[in-house]
Amino acid sequence: MKPQSLLHKSLLATSVALLLTGCGTTAEEPAVQAEALTTSESALLFGALPSCDEPEELDEVIEHACIHAEMGPFEPVTAAALGAPVLVDVSAPHTTFNISLPRSTNSWGWAGRVSFLPDESGEFAFMLSRHRGLRIYEAATGTEVARECRYEVPAEVCGALKTTILADLEADTEYYLEFRSVLRRNASFSLIVEEAGHHHEE
């Protein structure tokens, strides 16, 4: 399929989703779902991240996180609206944060930020119960942090988690995790953050 055709389909999908969202769709979601797009179309629509080269090395971390995704502890939080002070912290390890995004006031859809403060430097795995990802910013400077790769979690590894994104972070540096959603059903999801290289005990 030609790139122009992919872009056209992605823009059409976005237009339909926005139209239906603007019409107040609540119980019924639009027929055109982000997850229904092909990999190439999703990359055009959401911004491409390379696939993680050795995902099997993440399986231990994901399997451990899956226990918390299914059994807790759970902490419900509402993300701060974009532009508002970020007071919600998701730094606690081995915790499932059930995040709700506020309706965006300066654009369409839902969007919000939470704070994350690692106590060690290294590679962190951000595991989500949705297919949409996140963007990471240094809180003090607003500089976006490069995300290394993305891993679509196979159902046989963990049915409760869908996406893992890796990023290198510095200790004692506050970061903002930014999430967005076009659809209401993607505006509520779970997040678990663990050190990617850390060996977890059952």
C-alpha atoms as a PDB file:
ATOM      1  CA  MET A   1       0.000   0.000   0.000  1.00  0.00           C
ATOM      2  CA  LYS A   2       1.312   3.437  -0.914  1.00  0.00           C
ATOM      3  CA  PRO A   3       2.289   5.844   1.924  1.00  0.00           C
ATOM      4  CA  GLN A   4      -0.190   8.401   0.583  1.00  0.00           C
ATOM      5  CA  SER A   5      -2.975   5.843   0.847  1.00  0.00           C
ATOM      6  CA  LEU A   6      -2.003   4.998   4.443  1.00  0.00           C
ATOM      7  CA  LEU A   7      -1.928   8.658   5.377  1.00  0.00           C
ATOM      8  CA  HIS A   8      -5.295   9.216   3.713  1.00  0.00           C
ATOM      9  CA  LYS A   9      -6.859   6.293   5.618  1.00  0.00           C
ATOM     10  CA  SER A  10      -5.322   7.485   8.905  1.00  0.00           C
ATOM     11  CA  LEU A  11      -6.640  11.010   8.417  1.00  0.00           C
ATOM     12  CA  LEU A  12     -10.062   9.637   7.471  1.00  0.00           C
ATOM     13  CA  ALA A  13     -10.104   7.469  10.608  1.00  0.00           C
ATOM     14  CA  THR A  14      -9.181  10.472  12.739  1.00  0.00           C
ATOM     15  CA  SER A  15     -11.867  12.622  11.115  1.00  0.00           C
ATOM     16  CA  VAL A  16     -14.561  10.022  11.734  1.00  0.00           C
ATOM     17  CA  ALA A  17     -13.468   9.565  15.356  1.00  0.00           C
ATOM     18  CA  LEU A  18     -13.455  13.321  15.950  1.00  0.00           C
ATOM     19  CA  LEU A  19     -16.855  13.752  14.305  1.00  0.00           C
ATOM     20  CA  LEU A  20     -18.412  11.042  16.437  1.00  0.00           C
ATOM     21  CA  THR A  21     -16.686  12.275  19.591  1.00  0.00           C
ATOM     22  CA  GLY A  22     -17.933  15.791  18.930  1.00  0.00           C
ATOM     23  CA  CYS A  23     -21.476  14.449  18.605  1.00  0.00           C
ATOM     24  CA  GLY A  24     -21.384  13.268  22.199  1.00  0.00           C
ATOM     25  CA  THR A  25     -20.846   9.563  21.669  1.00  0.00           C
ATOM     26  CA  THR A  26     -20.707   7.881  25.079  1.00  0.00           C
ATOM     27  CA  ALA A  27     -22.060   4.341  25.345  1.00  0.00           C
ATOM     28  CA  GLU A  28     -21.338   3.394  21.751  1.00  0.00           C
ATOM     29  CA  GLU A  29     -17.785   3.881  20.513  1.00  0.00           C
ATOM     30  CA  PRO A  30     -17.032   4.728  16.881  1.00  0.00           C
ATOM     31  CA  ALA A  31     -16.736   1.786  14.529  1.00  0.00           C
ATOM     32  CA  VAL A  32     -13.334   3.058  13.414  1.00  0.00           C
ATOM     33  CA  GLN A  33     -11.043   2.115  16.291  1.00  0.00           C
ATOM     34  CA  ALA A  34      -7.380   3.004  16.678  1.00  0.00           C
ATOM     35  CA  GLU A  35      -6.653  -0.648  17.440  1.00  0.00           C
ATOM     36  CA  ALA A  36      -8.281  -1.677  14.148  1.00  0.00           C
ATOM     37  CA  LEU A  37      -5.665   0.185  12.124  1.00  0.00           C
ATOM     38  CA  THR A  38      -2.759  -1.689  10.614  1.00  0.00           C
ATOM     39  CA  THR A  39       0.714  -1.265  12.111  1.00  0.00           C
ATOM     40  CA  SER A  40       1.724   1.155   9.350  1.00  0.00           C
ATOM     41  CA  GLU A  41      -1.433   3.216   9.757  1.00  0.00           C
ATOM     42  CA  SER A  42      -0.987   3.374  13.542  1.00  0.00           C
ATOM     43  CA  ALA A  43       2.591   4.569  13.064  1.00  0.00           C
ATOM     44  CA  LEU A  44       1.397   7.405  10.834  1.00  0.00           C
ATOM     45  CA  LEU A  45      -1.418   8.341  13.187  1.00  0.00           C
ATOM     46  CA  PHE A  46       0.325   8.074  16.563  1.00  0.00           C
ATOM     47  CA  GLY A  47       4.010   8.565  15.797  1.00  0.00           C
ATOM     48  CA  ALA A  48       6.342   5.649  15.219  1.00  0.00           C
ATOM     49  CA  LEU A  49       8.555   4.052  17.845  1.00  0.00           C
ATOM     50  CA  PRO A  50      10.860   1.175  16.926  1.00  0.00           C
ATOM     51  CA  SER A  51       9.952  -2.264  18.232  1.00  0.00           C
ATOM     52  CA  CYS A  52      12.087  -3.496  21.114  1.00  0.00           C
ATOM     53  CA  ASP A  53      14.878  -5.693  19.723  1.00  0.00           C
ATOM     54  CA  GLU A  54      14.854  -8.373  22.420  1.00  0.00           C
ATOM     55  CA  PRO A  55      11.322  -8.410  23.886  1.00  0.00           C
ATOM     56  CA  GLU A  56      11.909 -11.781  25.552  1.00  0.00           C
ATOM     57  CA  GLU A  57      14.143  -9.957  28.044  1.00  0.00           C
ATOM     58  CA  LEU A  58      11.102  -7.880  29.047  1.00  0.00           C
ATOM     59  CA  ASP A  59       8.875 -10.896  29.670  1.00  0.00           C
ATOM     60  CA  GLU A  60      10.065 -11.368  33.272  1.00  0.00           C
ATOM     61  CA  VAL A  61       9.337  -7.726  34.094  1.00  0.00           C
ATOM     62  CA  ILE A  62       5.946  -7.889  32.350  1.00  0.00           C
ATOM     63  CA  GLU A  63       4.981 -11.178  34.011  1.00  0.00           C
ATOM     64  CA  HIS A  64       5.765  -9.653  37.410  1.00  0.00           C
ATOM     65  CA  ALA A  65       3.837  -6.472  36.557  1.00  0.00           C
ATOM     66  CA  CYS A  66       0.926  -8.613  35.370  1.00  0.00           C
ATOM     67  CA  ILE A  67       0.462  -9.922  38.931  1.00  0.00           C
ATOM     68  CA  HIS A  68       0.039  -6.325  40.122  1.00  0.00           C
ATOM     69  CA  ALA A  69      -2.205  -5.495  37.150  1.00  0.00           C
ATOM     70  CA  GLU A  70      -4.551  -8.290  38.189  1.00  0.00           C
ATOM     71  CA  MET A  71      -4.188  -8.320  41.989  1.00  0.00           C
ATOM     72  CA  GLY A  72      -2.986  -4.830  42.945  1.00  0.00           C
ATOM     73  CA  PRO A  73      -2.325  -2.898  44.997  1.00  0.00           C
ATOM     74  CA  PHE A  74      -4.468  -0.438  43.031  1.00  0.00           C
ATOM     75  CA  GLU A  75      -4.459   3.330  43.299  1.00  0.00           C
ATOM     76  CA  PRO A  76      -7.034   5.386  41.362  1.00  0.00           C
ATOM     77  CA  VAL A  77      -5.741   8.783  40.207  1.00  0.00           C
ATOM     78  CA  THR A  78      -6.961  11.593  37.967  1.00  0.00           C
ATOM     79  CA  ALA A  79      -4.253  13.124  35.791  1.00  0.00           C
ATOM     80  CA  ALA A  80      -3.706  16.877  35.832  1.00  0.00           C
ATOM     81  CA  ALA A  81      -5.064  18.727  32.825  1.00  0.00           C
ATOM     82  CA  LEU A  82      -2.445  19.972  30.375  1.00  0.00           C
ATOM     83  CA  GLY A  83      -1.159  23.347  31.559  1.00  0.00           C
ATOM     84  CA  ALA A  84      -2.317  22.770  35.153  1.00  0.00           C
ATOM     85  CA  PRO A  85       0.017  22.036  38.102  1.00  0.00           C
ATOM     86  CA  VAL A  86       0.921  18.332  38.205  1.00  0.00           C
ATOM     87  CA  LEU A  87       0.222  17.054  41.719  1.00  0.00           C
ATOM     88  CA  VAL A  88      -0.419  13.355  41.042  1.00  0.00           C
ATOM     89  CA  ASP A  89       2.618  11.128  41.606  1.00  0.00           C
ATOM     90  CA  VAL A  90       2.967   7.594  40.168  1.00  0.00           C
ATOM     91  CA  SER A  91       6.467   6.804  41.438  1.00  0.00           C
ATOM     92  CA  ALA A  92       5.544   3.920  43.757  1.00  0.00           C
ATOM     93  CA  PRO A  93       6.866   0.612  42.385  1.00  0.00           C
ATOM     94  CA  HIS A  94       4.798  -2.596  42.277  1.00  0.00           C
ATOM     95  CA  THR A  95       1.606  -0.514  42.147  1.00  0.00           C
ATOM     96  CA  THR A  96      -1.152  -0.394  39.545  1.00  0.00           C
ATOM     97  CA  PHE A  97      -2.267   3.188  38.982  1.00  0.00           C
ATOM     98  CA  ASN A  98      -5.757   3.355  37.486  1.00  0.00           C
ATOM     99  CA  ILE A  99      -5.520   6.649  35.613  1.00  0.00           C
ATOM    100  CA  SER A 100      -8.417   8.783  34.398  1.00  0.00           C
ATOM    101  CA  LEU A 101      -7.729  11.590  31.924  1.00  0.00           C
ATOM    102  CA  PRO A 102      -9.674  14.860  32.082  1.00  0.00           C
ATOM    103  CA  ARG A 103     -11.479  16.205  29.038  1.00  0.00           C
ATOM    104  CA  SER A 104      -9.088  18.465  27.133  1.00  0.00           C
ATOM    105  CA  THR A 105     -10.085  22.124  27.224  1.00  0.00           C
ATOM    106  CA  ASN A 106      -7.658  23.395  24.580  1.00  0.00           C
ATOM    107  CA  SER A 107      -8.035  20.596  22.015  1.00  0.00           C
ATOM    108  CA  TRP A 108     -10.205  17.588  21.222  1.00  0.00           C
ATOM    109  CA  GLY A 109     -10.357  14.394  23.237  1.00  0.00           C
ATOM    110  CA  TRP A 110      -8.868  13.728  26.656  1.00  0.00           C
ATOM    111  CA  ALA A 111      -5.372  14.541  27.911  1.00  0.00           C
ATOM    112  CA  GLY A 112      -3.426  14.776  31.141  1.00  0.00           C
ATOM    113  CA  ARG A 113      -0.125  14.462  32.965  1.00  0.00           C
ATOM    114  CA  VAL A 114       1.186  12.693  36.058  1.00  0.00           C
ATOM    115  CA  SER A 115       4.534  12.984  37.837  1.00  0.00           C
ATOM    116  CA  PHE A 116       7.215  10.282  38.060  1.00  0.00           C
ATOM    117  CA  LEU A 117      10.396  10.588  40.146  1.00  0.00           C
ATOM    118  CA  PRO A 118      12.825   7.645  39.840  1.00  0.00           C
ATOM    119  CA  ASP A 119      15.104   6.971  42.792  1.00  0.00           C
ATOM    120  CA  GLU A 120      17.690   5.263  40.568  1.00  0.00           C
ATOM    121  CA  SER A 121      19.082   5.986  37.102  1.00  0.00           C
ATOM    122  CA  GLY A 122      18.448   3.404  34.423  1.00  0.00           C
ATOM    123  CA  GLU A 123      15.990   1.930  31.979  1.00  0.00           C
ATOM    124  CA  PHE A 124      12.329   1.914  32.996  1.00  0.00           C
ATOM    125  CA  ALA A 125       9.410  -0.025  31.543  1.00  0.00           C
ATOM    126  CA  PHE A 126       6.092   1.848  31.346  1.00  0.00           C
ATOM    127  CA  MET A 127       3.388  -0.804  31.026  1.00  0.00           C
ATOM    128  CA  LEU A 128      -0.127   0.191  29.985  1.00  0.00           C
ATOM    129  CA  SER A 129      -3.466  -1.574  29.702  1.00  0.00           C
ATOM    130  CA  ARG A 130      -4.171   0.266  26.435  1.00  0.00           C
ATOM    131  CA  HIS A 131      -2.493   0.368  23.014  1.00  0.00           C
ATOM    132  CA  ARG A 132      -1.950   4.123  23.045  1.00  0.00           C
ATOM    133  CA  GLY A 133       1.386   5.145  24.550  1.00  0.00           C
ATOM    134  CA  LEU A 134       2.784   8.140  26.379  1.00  0.00           C
ATOM    135  CA  ARG A 135       5.270  10.988  26.042  1.00  0.00           C
ATOM    136  CA  ILE A 136       7.816  11.831  28.736  1.00  0.00           C
ATOM    137  CA  TYR A 137       9.083  15.314  29.640  1.00  0.00           C
ATOM    138  CA  GLU A 138      11.575  16.660  32.156  1.00  0.00           C
ATOM    139  CA  ALA A 139       9.443  18.616  34.599  1.00  0.00           C
ATOM    140  CA  ALA A 140      11.978  21.404  35.169  1.00  0.00           C
ATOM    141  CA  THR A 141      12.804  22.167  31.533  1.00  0.00           C
ATOM    142  CA  GLY A 142       9.866  20.817  29.528  1.00  0.00           C
ATOM    143  CA  THR A 143      12.335  18.905  27.330  1.00  0.00           C
ATOM    144  CA  GLU A 144      10.900  15.729  25.848  1.00  0.00           C
ATOM    145  CA  VAL A 145      12.762  12.538  26.744  1.00  0.00           C
ATOM    146  CA  ALA A 146      13.505  10.104  23.946  1.00  0.00           C
ATOM    147  CA  ARG A 147      11.633   6.821  24.289  1.00  0.00           C
ATOM    148  CA  GLU A 148      13.753   3.845  23.250  1.00  0.00           C
ATOM    149  CA  CYS A 149      11.241   1.344  21.918  1.00  0.00           C
ATOM    150  CA  ARG A 150       7.736  -0.055  22.114  1.00  0.00           C
ATOM    151  CA  TYR A 151       6.599  -3.624  22.776  1.00  0.00           C
ATOM    152  CA  GLU A 152       3.072  -4.851  22.102  1.00  0.00           C
ATOM    153  CA  VAL A 153       2.522  -7.323  24.949  1.00  0.00           C
ATOM    154  CA  PRO A 154       1.295 -10.724  23.695  1.00  0.00           C
ATOM    155  CA  ALA A 155      -1.895 -11.958  25.365  1.00  0.00           C
ATOM    156  CA  GLU A 156      -0.123 -15.155  26.435  1.00  0.00           C
ATOM    157  CA  VAL A 157       2.421 -13.073  28.392  1.00  0.00           C
ATOM    158  CA  CYS A 158      -0.193 -10.850  30.068  1.00  0.00           C
ATOM    159  CA  GLY A 159      -3.806 -10.291  29.099  1.00  0.00           C
ATOM    160  CA  ALA A 160      -4.164  -7.259  31.388  1.00  0.00           C
ATOM    161  CA  LEU A 161      -1.346  -5.230  29.777  1.00  0.00           C
ATOM    162  CA  LYS A 162      -1.181  -4.197  26.122  1.00  0.00           C
ATOM    163  CA  THR A 163       1.833  -1.921  25.603  1.00  0.00           C
ATOM    164  CA  THR A 164       5.285  -1.467  27.126  1.00  0.00           C
ATOM    165  CA  ILE A 165       7.476   1.560  26.396  1.00  0.00           C
ATOM    166  CA  LEU A 166      11.124   1.772  27.491  1.00  0.00           C
ATOM    167  CA  ALA A 167      12.990   4.950  28.395  1.00  0.00           C
ATOM    168  CA  ASP A 168      16.266   5.818  30.154  1.00  0.00           C
ATOM    169  CA  LEU A 169      15.735   8.154  33.102  1.00  0.00           C
ATOM    170  CA  GLU A 170      17.986   9.890  35.625  1.00  0.00           C
ATOM    171  CA  ALA A 171      17.666   9.464  39.380  1.00  0.00           C
ATOM    172  CA  ASP A 172      16.096  12.266  41.424  1.00  0.00           C
ATOM    173  CA  THR A 173      14.834  14.024  38.286  1.00  0.00           C
ATOM    174  CA  GLU A 174      11.115  14.688  38.109  1.00  0.00           C
ATOM    175  CA  TYR A 175       9.397  13.696  34.877  1.00  0.00           C
ATOM    176  CA  TYR A 176       5.912  14.326  33.542  1.00  0.00           C
ATOM    177  CA  LEU A 177       4.182  11.426  31.819  1.00  0.00           C
ATOM    178  CA  GLU A 178       1.715  12.783  29.277  1.00  0.00           C
ATOM    179  CA  PHE A 179      -1.218  10.760  27.955  1.00  0.00           C
ATOM    180  CA  ARG A 180      -3.773  11.597  25.283  1.00  0.00           C
ATOM    181  CA  SER A 181      -6.854   9.895  23.903  1.00  0.00           C
ATOM    182  CA  VAL A 182      -9.301  10.505  21.094  1.00  0.00           C
ATOM    183  CA  LEU A 183     -11.806   7.985  22.433  1.00  0.00           C
ATOM    184  CA  ARG A 184     -13.459   8.033  25.855  1.00  0.00           C
ATOM    185  CA  ARG A 185     -12.739   4.342  26.413  1.00  0.00           C
ATOM    186  CA  ASN A 186      -8.973   4.996  26.098  1.00  0.00           C
ATOM    187  CA  ALA A 187      -9.150   7.839  28.641  1.00  0.00           C
ATOM    188  CA  SER A 188      -9.209   5.379  31.565  1.00  0.00           C
ATOM    189  CA  PHE A 189      -6.435   2.805  31.813  1.00  0.00           C
ATOM    190  CA  SER A 190      -3.864   1.204  34.093  1.00  0.00           C
ATOM    191  CA  LEU A 191      -0.169   2.089  34.384  1.00  0.00           C
ATOM    192  CA  ILE A 192       2.626   0.144  36.080  1.00  0.00           C
ATOM    193  CA  VAL A 193       6.228   1.409  36.051  1.00  0.00           C
ATOM    194  CA  GLU A 194       9.135  -0.903  36.863  1.00  0.00           C
ATOM    195  CA  GLU A 195      12.888  -0.893  36.335  1.00  0.00           C
ATOM    196  CA  ALA A 196      13.418  -2.825  33.125  1.00  0.00           C
ATOM    197  CA  GLY A 197      16.689  -4.446  34.203  1.00  0.00           C
ATOM    198  CA  HIS A 198      15.610  -5.321  37.726  1.00  0.00           C
ATOM    199  CA  HIS A 199      15.046  -8.998  38.595  1.00  0.00           C
ATOM    200  CA  HIS A 200      11.707  -9.383  40.340  1.00  0.00           C
ATOM    201  CA  GLU A 201      10.756 -11.888  42.998  1.00  0.00           C
ATOM    202  CA  GLU A 202       7.379 -13.570  42.830  1.00  0.00           C
END
